[in-house]
C-alpha cells in the first residue's frame, strides 16, 4: 500500500487550456504545478480565469482516471484493506481507520456551524480564500496556498467541479460544504485528509479570551 502511494505521488498528469494555462497533478490528485503563459493577460483576466479553471478541472479528472485502476486493483487483491484509508496502516496487519471518530451528529454539526460563522468575516455564507487560509492557520499553524484552495473547491464540488464558474471559485466553500467536510467521514476518505471538528473548535475558541475583569479598588487607607 505504501509502495502504491509513493508511486502515485511521483506520477504526473498535465492539462492545458486554450494554450494559456497548464497545470500538473500527481496521482493522488494533489496540484503540483501551475504555468501561465507570459502573454496570457492579453486575452483578458476573465478568459485567463476561465482557462485556468478549465485546466484545473481537466487535470484533476486525468489524475483520478489515471490512478483509479491501480487503486482498485490493490483493493481487489487485498479486500481486507477496504476499510482502511489508502496510505494508512496500523501496527502489524491491523488496519487503522483514521475517520472512525468523524460522525454527523447534532453536536458535531453545531460545532462545525459555530466554527463556520466565526471565520465567515464578511457574513456572505461562504469561506473565501482569505477566510479559509485563516482557518488553516488557526487550526494547523500553516497558511494555505491559493492553488491548494482551488483544488479543495474543485474536490468538494459535485461532479468533480465540472460545472464550477469563476464566481463559484471566488465565493469559495459554502456553509453546507464546510459542515459536510467536517462531519462526513466518506467525504474525508475520498479527499484523503482528516478533519477533527472537536479539536479544531477547541483550538479556535480556547484562544478567544474572556474580557478581563476590572481591577478592584484598594480599600487600604494611608
C-alpha atoms as a PDB file:
ATOM      1  CA  UNK A   1       0.000   0.000   0.000  1.00  0.00           C
ATOM      2  CA  UNK A   2       2.773   2.426   0.909  1.00  0.00           C
ATOM      3  CA  UNK A   3       4.576   1.496  -2.322  1.00  0.00           C
ATOM      4  CA  UNK A   4       1.466   2.355  -4.326  1.00  0.00           C
ATOM      5  CA  UNK A   5       1.097   5.658  -2.504  1.00  0.00           C
ATOM      6  CA  UNK A   6       4.728   6.536  -3.229  1.00  0.00           C
ATOM      7  CA  UNK A   7       4.298   5.549  -6.886  1.00  0.00           C
ATOM      8  CA  UNK A   8       1.149   7.652  -7.322  1.00  0.00           C
ATOM      9  CA  UNK A   9       2.869  10.634  -5.710  1.00  0.00           C
ATOM     10  CA  UNK A  10       5.542  10.564  -8.435  1.00  0.00           C
ATOM     11  CA  UNK A  11       3.141  10.262 -11.365  1.00  0.00           C
ATOM     12  CA  UNK A  12       2.202  13.410 -13.276  1.00  0.00           C
ATOM     13  CA  UNK A  13      -0.976  14.306 -15.148  1.00  0.00           C
ATOM     14  CA  UNK A  14      -0.970  17.506 -17.174  1.00  0.00           C
ATOM     15  CA  UNK A  15      -3.757  19.552 -18.702  1.00  0.00           C
ATOM     16  CA  UNK A  16      -3.603  22.672 -20.864  1.00  0.00           C
ATOM     17  CA  UNK A  17      -6.478  25.021 -21.625  1.00  0.00           C
ATOM     18  CA  UNK A  18      -6.558  27.322 -24.664  1.00  0.00           C
ATOM     19  CA  UNK A  19      -2.755  27.480 -24.728  1.00  0.00           C
ATOM     20  CA  UNK A  20      -2.945  29.889 -21.788  1.00  0.00           C
ATOM     21  CA  UNK A  21      -2.724  27.817 -18.622  1.00  0.00           C
ATOM     22  CA  UNK A  22      -1.070  24.473 -17.918  1.00  0.00           C
ATOM     23  CA  UNK A  23      -1.482  22.580 -14.642  1.00  0.00           C
ATOM     24  CA  UNK A  24       0.090  19.384 -13.299  1.00  0.00           C
ATOM     25  CA  UNK A  25      -1.388  16.978 -10.740  1.00  0.00           C
ATOM     26  CA  UNK A  26       0.181  13.906  -9.174  1.00  0.00           C
ATOM     27  CA  UNK A  27      -1.592  10.550  -8.912  1.00  0.00           C
ATOM     28  CA  UNK A  28      -3.070  11.487  -5.526  1.00  0.00           C
ATOM     29  CA  UNK A  29      -4.976  14.441  -7.035  1.00  0.00           C
ATOM     30  CA  UNK A  30      -2.587  16.951  -5.479  1.00  0.00           C
ATOM     31  CA  UNK A  31      -1.825  20.049  -7.546  1.00  0.00           C
ATOM     32  CA  UNK A  32       1.929  20.162  -8.258  1.00  0.00           C
ATOM     33  CA  UNK A  33       2.440  22.991 -10.715  1.00  0.00           C
ATOM     34  CA  UNK A  34       0.629  25.843 -12.461  1.00  0.00           C
ATOM     35  CA  UNK A  35       2.119  27.547 -15.501  1.00  0.00           C
ATOM     36  CA  UNK A  36       0.656  30.707 -17.032  1.00  0.00           C
ATOM     37  CA  UNK A  37       1.935  31.812 -20.426  1.00  0.00           C
ATOM     38  CA  UNK A  38       3.670  35.204 -20.478  1.00  0.00           C
ATOM     39  CA  UNK A  39       1.170  36.779 -22.874  1.00  0.00           C
ATOM     40  CA  UNK A  40      -1.863  35.243 -21.116  1.00  0.00           C
ATOM     41  CA  UNK A  41      -3.155  38.600 -19.859  1.00  0.00           C
ATOM     42  CA  UNK A  42      -3.549  39.785 -23.428  1.00  0.00           C
ATOM     43  CA  UNK A  43      -6.634  37.580 -23.602  1.00  0.00           C
ATOM     44  CA  UNK A  44      -8.130  39.389 -20.605  1.00  0.00           C
ATOM     45  CA  UNK A  45      -8.455  38.417 -16.947  1.00  0.00           C
ATOM     46  CA  UNK A  46     -11.849  36.777 -17.476  1.00  0.00           C
ATOM     47  CA  UNK A  47     -10.515  34.494 -20.226  1.00  0.00           C
ATOM     48  CA  UNK A  48      -7.442  33.709 -18.119  1.00  0.00           C
ATOM     49  CA  UNK A  49      -9.565  32.736 -15.103  1.00  0.00           C
ATOM     50  CA  UNK A  50     -11.827  30.584 -17.278  1.00  0.00           C
ATOM     51  CA  UNK A  51      -8.848  28.840 -18.899  1.00  0.00           C
ATOM     52  CA  UNK A  52      -7.208  28.191 -15.511  1.00  0.00           C
ATOM     53  CA  UNK A  53     -10.409  26.740 -14.065  1.00  0.00           C
ATOM     54  CA  UNK A  54     -10.846  24.545 -17.134  1.00  0.00           C
ATOM     55  CA  UNK A  55      -7.274  23.273 -16.853  1.00  0.00           C
ATOM     56  CA  UNK A  56      -7.674  22.535 -13.122  1.00  0.00           C
ATOM     57  CA  UNK A  57     -10.841  20.544 -13.715  1.00  0.00           C
ATOM     58  CA  UNK A  58      -9.341  18.576 -16.601  1.00  0.00           C
ATOM     59  CA  UNK A  59      -6.095  17.908 -14.728  1.00  0.00           C
ATOM     60  CA  UNK A  60      -7.957  16.676 -11.646  1.00  0.00           C
ATOM     61  CA  UNK A  61     -10.090  14.354 -13.805  1.00  0.00           C
ATOM     62  CA  UNK A  62      -6.991  12.979 -15.550  1.00  0.00           C
ATOM     63  CA  UNK A  63      -5.376  12.246 -12.197  1.00  0.00           C
ATOM     64  CA  UNK A  64      -8.455  10.391 -10.968  1.00  0.00           C
ATOM     65  CA  UNK A  65      -8.833   8.407 -14.201  1.00  0.00           C
ATOM     66  CA  UNK A  66      -5.118   7.618 -14.387  1.00  0.00           C
ATOM     67  CA  UNK A  67      -4.827   6.279 -10.840  1.00  0.00           C
ATOM     68  CA  UNK A  68      -8.148   4.620 -10.061  1.00  0.00           C
ATOM     69  CA  UNK A  69      -7.337   1.396 -11.938  1.00  0.00           C
ATOM     70  CA  UNK A  70      -4.199   0.799  -9.838  1.00  0.00           C
ATOM     71  CA  UNK A  71      -6.030   1.677  -6.606  1.00  0.00           C
ATOM     72  CA  UNK A  72      -8.918  -0.677  -7.292  1.00  0.00           C
ATOM     73  CA  UNK A  73      -6.524  -3.417  -8.370  1.00  0.00           C
ATOM     74  CA  UNK A  74      -4.893  -3.209  -4.945  1.00  0.00           C
ATOM     75  CA  UNK A  75      -8.234  -3.390  -3.151  1.00  0.00           C
ATOM     76  CA  UNK A  76      -9.408  -6.315  -5.294  1.00  0.00           C
ATOM     77  CA  UNK A  77      -6.319  -8.382  -4.482  1.00  0.00           C
ATOM     78  CA  UNK A  78      -6.366  -7.372  -0.800  1.00  0.00           C
ATOM     79  CA  UNK A  79     -10.034  -6.930   0.206  1.00  0.00           C
ATOM     80  CA  UNK A  80      -9.125  -6.548   3.883  1.00  0.00           C
ATOM     81  CA  UNK A  81      -7.940  -3.039   3.015  1.00  0.00           C
ATOM     82  CA  UNK A  82     -11.416  -1.877   2.020  1.00  0.00           C
ATOM     83  CA  UNK A  83     -11.983  -0.432   5.476  1.00  0.00           C
ATOM     84  CA  UNK A  84      -8.597   1.283   5.645  1.00  0.00           C
ATOM     85  CA  UNK A  85      -7.509   4.567   4.034  1.00  0.00           C
ATOM     86  CA  UNK A  86      -5.181   4.136   1.095  1.00  0.00           C
ATOM     87  CA  UNK A  87      -1.989   5.372   2.747  1.00  0.00           C
ATOM     88  CA  UNK A  88      -2.628   4.494   6.401  1.00  0.00           C
ATOM     89  CA  UNK A  89      -1.813   1.124   8.005  1.00  0.00           C
ATOM     90  CA  UNK A  90      -1.722   0.452  11.738  1.00  0.00           C
ATOM     91  CA  UNK A  91       0.725  -1.743  13.651  1.00  0.00           C
ATOM     92  CA  UNK A  92       1.337  -5.145  12.120  1.00  0.00           C
ATOM     93  CA  UNK A  93      -1.624  -6.197   9.969  1.00  0.00           C
ATOM     94  CA  UNK A  94      -4.196  -4.139  11.874  1.00  0.00           C
ATOM     95  CA  UNK A  95      -5.835  -1.518   9.704  1.00  0.00           C
ATOM     96  CA  UNK A  96      -6.445   1.785  11.477  1.00  0.00           C
ATOM     97  CA  UNK A  97      -9.494   3.774  10.434  1.00  0.00           C
ATOM     98  CA  UNK A  98      -8.484   7.395  10.955  1.00  0.00           C
ATOM     99  CA  UNK A  99     -12.057   8.519  10.313  1.00  0.00           C
ATOM    100  CA  UNK A 100     -13.694   6.342  12.960  1.00  0.00           C
ATOM    101  CA  UNK A 101     -14.472   9.409  15.083  1.00  0.00           C
ATOM    102  CA  UNK A 102     -15.800  11.550  12.229  1.00  0.00           C
ATOM    103  CA  UNK A 103     -19.556  11.499  12.704  1.00  0.00           C
ATOM    104  CA  UNK A 104     -22.550  13.628  11.744  1.00  0.00           C
ATOM    105  CA  UNK A 105     -24.484  14.312  14.954  1.00  0.00           C
ATOM    106  CA  UNK A 106     -26.311  17.309  16.382  1.00  0.00           C
ATOM    107  CA  UNK A 107     -23.204  18.059  18.429  1.00  0.00           C
ATOM    108  CA  UNK A 108     -20.680  17.940  15.564  1.00  0.00           C
ATOM    109  CA  UNK A 109     -22.967  19.882  13.237  1.00  0.00           C
ATOM    110  CA  UNK A 110     -23.382  22.597  15.869  1.00  0.00           C
ATOM    111  CA  UNK A 111     -19.627  22.804  16.444  1.00  0.00           C
ATOM    112  CA  UNK A 112     -18.959  22.990  12.695  1.00  0.00           C
ATOM    113  CA  UNK A 113     -21.587  25.706  12.258  1.00  0.00           C
ATOM    114  CA  UNK A 114     -20.093  27.775  15.095  1.00  0.00           C
ATOM    115  CA  UNK A 115     -16.644  27.429  13.525  1.00  0.00           C
ATOM    116  CA  UNK A 116     -18.005  28.419  10.117  1.00  0.00           C
ATOM    117  CA  UNK A 117     -19.684  31.587  11.374  1.00  0.00           C
ATOM    118  CA  UNK A 118     -16.602  32.535  13.402  1.00  0.00           C
ATOM    119  CA  UNK A 119     -14.442  32.693  10.246  1.00  0.00           C
ATOM    120  CA  UNK A 120     -17.103  33.967   7.828  1.00  0.00           C
ATOM    121  CA  UNK A 121     -15.890  37.524   8.309  1.00  0.00           C
ATOM    122  CA  UNK A 122     -17.980  39.097   5.543  1.00  0.00           C
ATOM    123  CA  UNK A 123     -21.075  37.084   6.546  1.00  0.00           C
ATOM    124  CA  UNK A 124     -21.866  36.069   2.961  1.00  0.00           C
ATOM    125  CA  UNK A 125     -22.368  32.371   3.772  1.00  0.00           C
ATOM    126  CA  UNK A 126     -19.068  31.252   2.184  1.00  0.00           C
ATOM    127  CA  UNK A 127     -15.437  30.797   3.169  1.00  0.00           C
ATOM    128  CA  UNK A 128     -13.365  32.583   0.547  1.00  0.00           C
ATOM    129  CA  UNK A 129      -9.625  32.060   0.101  1.00  0.00           C
ATOM    130  CA  UNK A 130      -8.598  34.536   2.801  1.00  0.00           C
ATOM    131  CA  UNK A 131     -11.081  33.148   5.325  1.00  0.00           C
ATOM    132  CA  UNK A 132     -10.161  29.519   4.632  1.00  0.00           C
ATOM    133  CA  UNK A 133      -6.481  30.364   4.951  1.00  0.00           C
ATOM    134  CA  UNK A 134      -7.165  31.885   8.376  1.00  0.00           C
ATOM    135  CA  UNK A 135      -8.924  28.653   9.413  1.00  0.00           C
ATOM    136  CA  UNK A 136      -5.914  26.560   8.434  1.00  0.00           C
ATOM    137  CA  UNK A 137      -3.533  28.951  10.182  1.00  0.00           C
ATOM    138  CA  UNK A 138      -5.609  28.815  13.374  1.00  0.00           C
ATOM    139  CA  UNK A 139      -6.034  25.030  13.389  1.00  0.00           C
ATOM    140  CA  UNK A 140      -2.873  23.718  11.718  1.00  0.00           C
ATOM    141  CA  UNK A 141      -0.411  26.568  12.111  1.00  0.00           C
ATOM    142  CA  UNK A 142       0.238  26.814   8.371  1.00  0.00           C
ATOM    143  CA  UNK A 143      -1.033  29.134   5.653  1.00  0.00           C
ATOM    144  CA  UNK A 144      -3.000  27.804   2.677  1.00  0.00           C
ATOM    145  CA  UNK A 145      -1.750  28.437  -0.838  1.00  0.00           C
ATOM    146  CA  UNK A 146      -4.209  29.660  -3.453  1.00  0.00           C
ATOM    147  CA  UNK A 147      -3.572  26.582  -5.607  1.00  0.00           C
ATOM    148  CA  UNK A 148      -4.426  24.297  -2.686  1.00  0.00           C
ATOM    149  CA  UNK A 149      -7.597  26.298  -2.053  1.00  0.00           C
ATOM    150  CA  UNK A 150      -8.675  25.992  -5.696  1.00  0.00           C
ATOM    151  CA  UNK A 151      -8.027  22.244  -5.598  1.00  0.00           C
ATOM    152  CA  UNK A 152     -10.164  21.952  -2.454  1.00  0.00           C
ATOM    153  CA  UNK A 153     -13.038  23.858  -4.077  1.00  0.00           C
ATOM    154  CA  UNK A 154     -12.957  21.543  -7.089  1.00  0.00           C
ATOM    155  CA  UNK A 155     -12.680  18.382  -4.977  1.00  0.00           C
ATOM    156  CA  UNK A 156     -15.558  19.411  -2.697  1.00  0.00           C
ATOM    157  CA  UNK A 157     -17.857  20.373  -5.579  1.00  0.00           C
ATOM    158  CA  UNK A 158     -20.340  17.931  -7.167  1.00  0.00           C
ATOM    159  CA  UNK A 159     -19.271  16.106 -10.342  1.00  0.00           C
ATOM    160  CA  UNK A 160     -15.605  16.864  -9.785  1.00  0.00           C
ATOM    161  CA  UNK A 161     -16.196  20.594 -10.158  1.00  0.00           C
ATOM    162  CA  UNK A 162     -17.081  20.350 -13.848  1.00  0.00           C
ATOM    163  CA  UNK A 163     -19.831  22.953 -13.534  1.00  0.00           C
ATOM    164  CA  UNK A 164     -17.940  25.453 -11.377  1.00  0.00           C
ATOM    165  CA  UNK A 165     -17.769  29.025 -12.614  1.00  0.00           C
ATOM    166  CA  UNK A 166     -15.290  31.795 -11.908  1.00  0.00           C
ATOM    167  CA  UNK A 167     -17.788  33.302  -9.464  1.00  0.00           C
ATOM    168  CA  UNK A 168     -18.076  29.958  -7.649  1.00  0.00           C
ATOM    169  CA  UNK A 169     -14.304  29.829  -7.234  1.00  0.00           C
ATOM    170  CA  UNK A 170     -14.257  33.365  -5.883  1.00  0.00           C
ATOM    171  CA  UNK A 171     -17.021  32.718  -3.339  1.00  0.00           C
ATOM    172  CA  UNK A 172     -15.335  29.572  -2.045  1.00  0.00           C
ATOM    173  CA  UNK A 173     -16.808  26.921   0.254  1.00  0.00           C
ATOM    174  CA  UNK A 174     -20.452  27.211   1.237  1.00  0.00           C
ATOM    175  CA  UNK A 175     -21.609  26.578   4.798  1.00  0.00           C
ATOM    176  CA  UNK A 176     -23.152  23.242   3.747  1.00  0.00           C
ATOM    177  CA  UNK A 177     -19.857  22.177   2.167  1.00  0.00           C
ATOM    178  CA  UNK A 178     -17.888  23.102   5.291  1.00  0.00           C
ATOM    179  CA  UNK A 179     -20.308  21.200   7.530  1.00  0.00           C
ATOM    180  CA  UNK A 180     -20.064  18.181   5.224  1.00  0.00           C
ATOM    181  CA  UNK A 181     -16.248  18.328   5.153  1.00  0.00           C
ATOM    182  CA  UNK A 182     -16.144  18.288   8.948  1.00  0.00           C
ATOM    183  CA  UNK A 183     -18.831  15.668   9.654  1.00  0.00           C
ATOM    184  CA  UNK A 184     -18.863  13.270   6.682  1.00  0.00           C
ATOM    185  CA  UNK A 185     -16.283  10.502   7.040  1.00  0.00           C
ATOM    186  CA  UNK A 186     -16.832   9.278   3.480  1.00  0.00           C
ATOM    187  CA  UNK A 187     -16.154  12.727   2.055  1.00  0.00           C
ATOM    188  CA  UNK A 188     -12.924  12.968   4.036  1.00  0.00           C
ATOM    189  CA  UNK A 189     -11.841   9.498   2.887  1.00  0.00           C
ATOM    190  CA  UNK A 190     -12.372  10.451  -0.732  1.00  0.00           C
ATOM    191  CA  UNK A 191     -10.397  13.672  -0.329  1.00  0.00           C
ATOM    192  CA  UNK A 192      -7.629  11.926   1.608  1.00  0.00           C
ATOM    193  CA  UNK A 193      -7.421  14.035   4.774  1.00  0.00           C
ATOM    194  CA  UNK A 194      -8.777  14.030   8.317  1.00  0.00           C
ATOM    195  CA  UNK A 195     -10.656  16.938   9.898  1.00  0.00           C
ATOM    196  CA  UNK A 196     -11.484  16.747  13.598  1.00  0.00           C
ATOM    197  CA  UNK A 197     -14.189  19.297  14.392  1.00  0.00           C
ATOM    198  CA  UNK A 198     -13.862  18.832  18.152  1.00  0.00           C
ATOM    199  CA  UNK A 199     -10.131  19.509  18.027  1.00  0.00           C
ATOM    200  CA  UNK A 200     -10.412  22.490  15.682  1.00  0.00           C
ATOM    201  CA  UNK A 201     -13.318  24.018  17.592  1.00  0.00           C
ATOM    202  CA  UNK A 202     -11.413  23.733  20.868  1.00  0.00           C
ATOM    203  CA  UNK A 203      -8.248  25.217  19.344  1.00  0.00           C
ATOM    204  CA  UNK A 204     -10.068  28.216  17.907  1.00  0.00           C
ATOM    205  CA  UNK A 205     -12.415  29.071  20.753  1.00  0.00           C
ATOM    206  CA  UNK A 206      -9.895  28.477  23.522  1.00  0.00           C
ATOM    207  CA  UNK A 207      -7.972  31.401  22.026  1.00  0.00           C
ATOM    208  CA  UNK A 208     -10.986  33.689  22.321  1.00  0.00           C
ATOM    209  CA  UNK A 209     -10.286  35.265  25.688  1.00  0.00           C
ATOM    210  CA  UNK A 210     -12.980  36.400  28.044  1.00  0.00           C
ATOM    211  CA  UNK A 211     -12.917  40.124  28.817  1.00  0.00           C
ATOM    212  CA  UNK A 212     -10.649  40.772  31.761  1.00  0.00           C
ATOM    213  CA  UNK A 213     -12.380  41.929  34.915  1.00  0.00           C
ATOM    214  CA  UNK A 214     -11.628  45.488  36.005  1.00  0.00           C
ATOM    215  CA  UNK A 215      -9.177  45.614  38.908  1.00  0.00           C
ATOM    216  CA  UNK A 216     -10.801  46.037  42.268  1.00  0.00           C
ATOM    217  CA  UNK A 217     -10.207  49.314  44.067  1.00  0.00           C
ATOM    218  CA  UNK A 218      -7.897  49.084  47.010  1.00  0.00           C
ATOM    219  CA  UNK A 219      -9.509  49.549  50.394  1.00  0.00           C
ATOM    220  CA  UNK A 220      -6.221  50.397  52.024  1.00  0.00           C
ATOM    221  CA  UNK A 221      -6.083  53.710  53.857  1.00  0.00           C
ATOM    222  CA  UNK A 222      -2.866  55.627  54.011  1.00  0.00           C
END
